[in-house]
Amino acid sequence: MKSDAKPVYLKLRDVIAAAILDGEYKEGDMLPSVRAFAADQGANPLTVAKAYQLFQDSGLVDVKRGVGLFVAGGAVAKLRSFEREHFVKNVWPDVKAQMQRAGVDPAELLALS
């Protein structure tokens, strides 16, 4: 069984990424300030800053000095690509194995939705 002991800054990154993918923050929208997001999540501002830095390093946000961080153009497509790659490499193999063990037919699942 895989451990879910993910560092807090990576969990925060996932929260932000999900909000962008879900349309809570659209391309061009300003993200909450480090302090506001830290307060909302009950996290240390330095930890939030580290999560935001990952978005800067990946080109997913634009920094406007003295103003804030904004979701960059193309961020949704990049994030979706990252999510897809992660799912196919890290999640799907376990899901597929569990489906096979349980005798679940993928066509049954598609029919349920």
Protein backbone atom coordinates (compact mmCIF):
# COMPACT_ATOMS: atom_id res chain seq x y z
CA MET A 1 0.00 0.00 0.00
CA LYS A 2 1.32 3.44 -0.93
CA SER A 3 1.80 6.06 1.75
CA ASP A 4 -0.20 9.29 1.55
CA ALA A 5 2.32 11.17 3.68
CA LYS A 6 2.49 14.08 1.24
CA PRO A 7 4.16 17.27 2.53
CA VAL A 8 1.75 20.08 3.42
CA TYR A 9 3.03 22.41 0.68
CA LEU A 10 2.22 19.74 -1.93
CA LYS A 11 -1.26 19.27 -0.45
CA LEU A 12 -1.78 23.03 -0.68
CA ARG A 13 -0.54 22.97 -4.27
CA ASP A 14 -3.15 20.31 -5.01
CA VAL A 15 -5.91 22.44 -3.43
CA ILE A 16 -4.95 25.40 -5.62
CA ALA A 17 -4.62 23.23 -8.75
CA ALA A 18 -8.07 21.72 -8.13
CA ALA A 19 -9.58 25.20 -7.69
CA ILE A 20 -8.09 26.27 -11.03
CA LEU A 21 -9.23 23.11 -12.81
CA ASP A 22 -12.71 23.40 -11.27
CA GLY A 23 -13.01 26.98 -12.52
CA GLU A 24 -12.95 28.65 -9.12
CA TYR A 25 -9.97 30.64 -10.43
CA LYS A 26 -9.99 31.27 -14.16
CA GLU A 27 -7.03 32.25 -16.32
CA GLY A 28 -6.30 35.90 -15.54
CA ASP A 29 -7.90 35.75 -12.08
CA MET A 30 -5.92 36.81 -9.04
CA LEU A 31 -5.15 34.10 -6.51
CA PRO A 32 -5.66 34.84 -2.80
CA SER A 33 -2.70 36.45 -1.07
CA VAL A 34 -0.32 34.14 0.75
CA ARG A 35 -1.63 35.33 4.11
CA ALA A 36 -5.29 35.02 3.13
CA PHE A 37 -4.84 31.52 1.72
CA ALA A 38 -2.79 30.49 4.77
CA ALA A 39 -5.51 31.71 7.11
CA ASP A 40 -8.21 29.96 5.05
CA GLN A 41 -6.30 26.66 5.06
CA GLY A 42 -4.94 26.90 8.62
CA ALA A 43 -1.41 26.73 7.25
CA ASN A 44 1.83 28.58 7.81
CA PRO A 45 2.29 31.46 5.32
CA LEU A 46 5.82 30.20 4.51
CA THR A 47 4.33 26.84 3.53
CA VAL A 48 1.78 28.55 1.29
CA ALA A 49 4.56 30.65 -0.25
CA LYS A 50 6.41 27.42 -1.06
CA ALA A 51 3.30 26.01 -2.76
CA TYR A 52 2.83 29.24 -4.74
CA GLN A 53 6.49 29.12 -5.75
CA LEU A 54 5.85 25.75 -7.42
CA PHE A 55 3.20 27.43 -9.58
CA GLN A 56 5.61 30.24 -10.44
CA ASP A 57 8.36 27.78 -11.34
CA SER A 58 5.95 25.87 -13.60
CA GLY A 59 4.75 29.02 -15.36
CA LEU A 60 1.20 28.52 -14.10
CA VAL A 61 0.93 31.95 -12.51
CA ASP A 62 2.04 35.43 -13.45
CA VAL A 63 3.49 37.65 -10.74
CA LYS A 64 2.64 41.32 -10.71
CA ARG A 65 4.93 42.87 -8.13
CA GLY A 66 3.02 44.73 -5.46
CA VAL A 67 -0.29 43.40 -6.79
CA GLY A 68 -0.33 39.60 -6.53
CA LEU A 69 -0.34 36.31 -8.38
CA PHE A 70 -2.60 35.71 -11.36
CA VAL A 71 -3.49 32.45 -13.07
CA ALA A 72 -1.46 32.42 -16.29
CA GLY A 73 -2.89 31.88 -19.72
CA GLY A 74 -2.67 28.20 -20.61
CA ALA A 75 -2.54 27.15 -16.96
CA VAL A 76 -5.66 25.00 -17.20
CA ALA A 77 -4.31 23.01 -20.15
CA LYS A 78 -0.95 22.53 -18.43
CA LEU A 79 -2.57 21.46 -15.16
CA ARG A 80 -4.92 19.07 -16.96
CA SER A 81 -1.90 17.53 -18.72
CA PHE A 82 -0.05 17.16 -15.38
CA GLU A 83 -3.15 15.62 -13.76
CA ARG A 84 -3.63 13.18 -16.63
CA GLU A 85 0.01 12.08 -16.54
CA HIS A 86 -0.11 11.63 -12.75
CA PHE A 87 -3.34 9.63 -12.98
CA VAL A 88 -2.08 7.32 -15.72
CA LYS A 89 1.29 6.68 -14.03
CA ASN A 90 0.37 6.69 -10.34
CA VAL A 91 -3.34 6.14 -9.81
CA TRP A 92 -4.62 4.00 -12.68
CA PRO A 93 -2.37 0.96 -12.09
CA ASP A 94 -3.78 0.52 -8.56
CA VAL A 95 -7.35 1.20 -9.67
CA LYS A 96 -7.02 -1.25 -12.56
CA ALA A 97 -5.62 -3.94 -10.26
CA GLN A 98 -8.43 -3.39 -7.75
CA MET A 99 -11.04 -3.57 -10.52
CA GLN A 100 -9.56 -6.84 -11.75
CA ARG A 101 -9.53 -8.31 -8.24
CA ALA A 102 -13.16 -7.30 -7.70
CA GLY A 103 -14.26 -8.42 -11.15
CA VAL A 104 -15.49 -4.95 -12.10
CA ASP A 105 -16.12 -4.46 -15.81
CA PRO A 106 -15.19 -0.95 -17.04
CA ALA A 107 -18.31 -0.93 -19.23
CA GLU A 108 -20.44 -1.40 -16.08
CA LEU A 109 -18.86 1.69 -14.53
CA LEU A 110 -19.47 3.78 -17.63
CA ALA A 111 -23.10 2.67 -17.68
CA LEU A 112 -23.53 3.87 -14.06
CA SER A 113 -22.56 7.46 -14.83
